[in-house]
Amino acid sequence: MPVEPLNLDLKTMLEELIPFNKLLGVRLVSTDAAAGRLVMKLPLRAELIGNAYRGMVHGGAVSALIDAAAGGAAALQLPDLQEALAVATIDMRVDYLEPGRGEFLTAEAQVVRCGRRVIVIRIDVSDPNGTLVAIGTATFSRPTPPRPALGPA
């Protein structure tokens, strides 16, 4: 029995179909596929605090926001959103610059390069005051188109 393709839109995929994103509560704010840009927000709540004394969000929550935003930006580069189901993080780097505080964090992802096999994204995370909290880079694998069959030998 053939598997039916999912009727996907990027917002549903990022916010509802990825259980970890749903648990975190990430929200897609805007996209610009032509420019390779995507913006997401992470509402901050008590469960995401990593340093209770200083009231700072946990670095793992910041890195998860970076990964989610980068994955969404990578998906924007694909000709068919169904292919996004095969996109996977290869590498990710996060530099923490300031404590994350406030009601939410915003991640702005920008595609740096989209090749045949990998997509590279830079992500800036800021607090509600516009303070840069972290910067990240992420590399994602992408499904490669099938190679044309060679003619008879």
Protein backbone atom coordinates (compact mmCIF):
# COMPACT_ATOMS: atom_id res chain seq x y z
CA MET A 1 0.00 0.00 0.00
CA PRO A 2 1.57 3.35 -1.02
CA VAL A 3 2.26 5.94 1.65
CA GLU A 4 0.23 9.12 1.17
CA PRO A 5 2.33 12.31 1.16
CA LEU A 6 1.66 14.65 4.05
CA ASN A 7 -0.14 17.89 3.30
CA LEU A 8 2.53 20.12 4.82
CA ASP A 9 2.98 23.80 5.37
CA LEU A 10 6.14 25.11 7.03
CA LYS A 11 4.37 26.62 10.07
CA THR A 12 2.58 23.35 10.90
CA MET A 13 5.72 21.33 10.32
CA LEU A 14 7.89 23.50 12.60
CA GLU A 15 5.34 24.16 15.35
CA GLU A 16 3.22 21.00 15.47
CA LEU A 17 4.84 18.02 13.74
CA ILE A 18 8.23 18.18 15.46
CA PRO A 19 7.46 17.09 19.04
CA PHE A 20 10.49 18.83 20.60
CA ASN A 21 9.61 22.15 18.94
CA LYS A 22 6.04 21.75 20.17
CA LEU A 23 7.29 21.09 23.71
CA LEU A 24 9.46 24.21 23.59
CA GLY A 25 6.63 26.29 22.13
CA VAL A 26 8.61 27.78 19.22
CA ARG A 27 6.58 29.96 16.85
CA LEU A 28 7.23 30.81 13.22
CA VAL A 29 7.01 34.59 12.79
CA SER A 30 7.99 35.23 9.18
CA THR A 31 9.68 33.78 6.12
CA ASP A 32 11.22 35.13 2.94
CA ALA A 33 12.14 32.17 0.75
CA ALA A 34 13.67 34.34 -1.98
CA ALA A 35 16.04 35.97 0.53
CA GLY A 36 16.64 32.73 2.48
CA ARG A 37 15.40 34.29 5.74
CA LEU A 38 13.24 32.96 8.54
CA VAL A 39 12.30 34.38 11.96
CA MET A 40 11.12 32.32 14.95
CA LYS A 41 10.28 33.15 18.55
CA LEU A 42 10.69 31.13 21.69
CA PRO A 43 8.40 32.23 24.53
CA LEU A 44 10.39 32.02 27.76
CA ARG A 45 8.80 30.32 30.73
CA ALA A 46 10.03 29.09 34.09
CA GLU A 47 10.79 25.57 32.81
CA LEU A 48 13.39 26.96 30.39
CA ILE A 49 15.47 28.74 33.05
CA GLY A 50 18.95 27.25 33.42
CA ASN A 51 20.30 29.57 36.11
CA ALA A 52 17.58 30.28 38.65
CA TYR A 53 19.75 32.66 40.65
CA ARG A 54 20.45 34.89 37.64
CA GLY A 55 17.13 34.21 35.86
CA MET A 56 18.80 33.13 32.60
CA VAL A 57 17.38 30.82 29.99
CA HIS A 58 19.17 27.47 29.66
CA GLY A 59 21.75 27.33 26.87
CA GLY A 60 20.13 24.15 25.59
CA ALA A 61 16.89 26.03 24.95
CA VAL A 62 18.83 28.70 23.03
CA SER A 63 20.62 26.07 20.94
CA ALA A 64 17.31 24.27 20.28
CA LEU A 65 15.84 27.55 19.01
CA ILE A 66 18.88 28.00 16.75
CA ASP A 67 18.48 24.47 15.39
CA ALA A 68 14.73 24.91 14.78
CA ALA A 69 15.15 28.25 12.99
CA ALA A 70 18.04 26.95 10.89
CA GLY A 71 16.08 23.83 9.95
CA GLY A 72 13.16 25.98 8.86
CA ALA A 73 15.42 28.20 6.77
CA ALA A 74 16.96 25.10 5.17
CA ALA A 75 13.48 23.78 4.35
CA LEU A 76 12.70 27.05 2.56
CA GLN A 77 15.46 26.24 0.06
CA LEU A 78 13.91 22.99 -1.11
CA PRO A 79 11.71 22.82 -4.21
CA ASP A 80 9.19 20.63 -2.37
CA LEU A 81 8.46 20.90 1.35
CA GLN A 82 8.02 17.10 1.45
CA GLU A 83 11.80 16.92 1.03
CA ALA A 84 12.23 18.76 4.34
CA LEU A 85 11.40 15.51 6.10
CA ALA A 86 14.82 14.25 4.95
CA VAL A 87 16.79 17.35 6.04
CA ALA A 88 19.09 16.69 9.00
CA THR A 89 21.53 18.71 11.10
CA ILE A 90 25.13 17.77 10.26
CA ASP A 91 26.89 20.34 12.43
CA MET A 92 25.95 23.25 14.64
CA ARG A 93 27.96 25.81 16.56
CA VAL A 94 26.61 28.23 19.16
CA ASP A 95 28.40 31.18 20.70
CA TYR A 96 26.63 32.56 23.77
CA LEU A 97 27.15 36.30 24.10
CA GLU A 98 24.74 37.56 26.77
CA PRO A 99 22.27 36.01 29.22
CA GLY A 100 18.90 35.27 27.64
CA ARG A 101 16.14 37.04 29.55
CA GLY A 102 12.73 38.54 28.94
CA GLU A 103 9.40 37.26 27.68
CA PHE A 104 10.81 35.64 24.53
CA LEU A 105 13.88 35.17 22.35
CA THR A 106 13.87 35.82 18.61
CA ALA A 107 15.96 33.82 16.15
CA GLU A 108 16.70 35.28 12.73
CA ALA A 109 18.08 32.67 10.35
CA GLN A 110 19.82 33.56 7.08
CA VAL A 111 20.91 31.00 4.49
CA VAL A 112 24.59 31.56 3.71
CA ARG A 113 24.94 28.83 1.09
CA CYS A 114 22.63 26.31 -0.47
CA GLY A 115 24.50 23.60 -2.34
CA ARG A 116 23.53 20.27 -3.88
CA ARG A 117 24.24 18.34 -0.69
CA VAL A 118 24.40 20.84 2.18
CA ILE A 119 22.78 24.07 3.31
CA VAL A 120 24.65 26.46 5.65
CA ILE A 121 22.75 28.94 7.81
CA ARG A 122 23.74 31.73 10.21
CA ILE A 123 21.39 32.46 13.10
CA ASP A 124 21.23 35.48 15.42
CA VAL A 125 19.27 35.18 18.66
CA SER A 126 18.19 38.34 20.46
CA ASP A 127 16.08 39.27 23.48
CA PRO A 128 13.09 41.66 23.42
CA ASN A 129 15.44 44.66 23.87
CA GLY A 130 17.38 43.71 20.73
CA THR A 131 20.41 42.51 22.70
CA LEU A 132 22.27 39.79 20.78
CA VAL A 133 22.15 36.76 23.08
CA ALA A 134 23.79 34.16 20.83
CA ILE A 135 24.96 33.54 17.31
CA GLY A 136 24.99 30.20 15.60
CA THR A 137 25.92 28.49 12.41
CA ALA A 138 24.35 25.27 11.28
CA THR A 139 24.95 22.89 8.42
CA PHE A 140 22.18 20.62 7.15
CA SER A 141 22.22 17.72 4.74
CA ARG A 142 19.64 17.88 2.01
CA PRO A 143 18.13 15.20 -0.16
CA THR A 144 20.07 14.92 -3.39
CA PRO A 145 18.16 14.67 -6.63
CA PRO A 146 18.45 11.28 -8.30
CA ARG A 147 21.18 11.11 -10.91
CA PRO A 148 20.04 10.50 -14.44
CA ALA A 149 20.48 6.93 -15.56
CA LEU A 150 23.36 6.33 -17.90
CA GLY A 151 22.51 4.96 -21.32
CA PRO A 152 23.25 1.38 -22.33
CA ALA A 153 26.92 0.46 -22.24
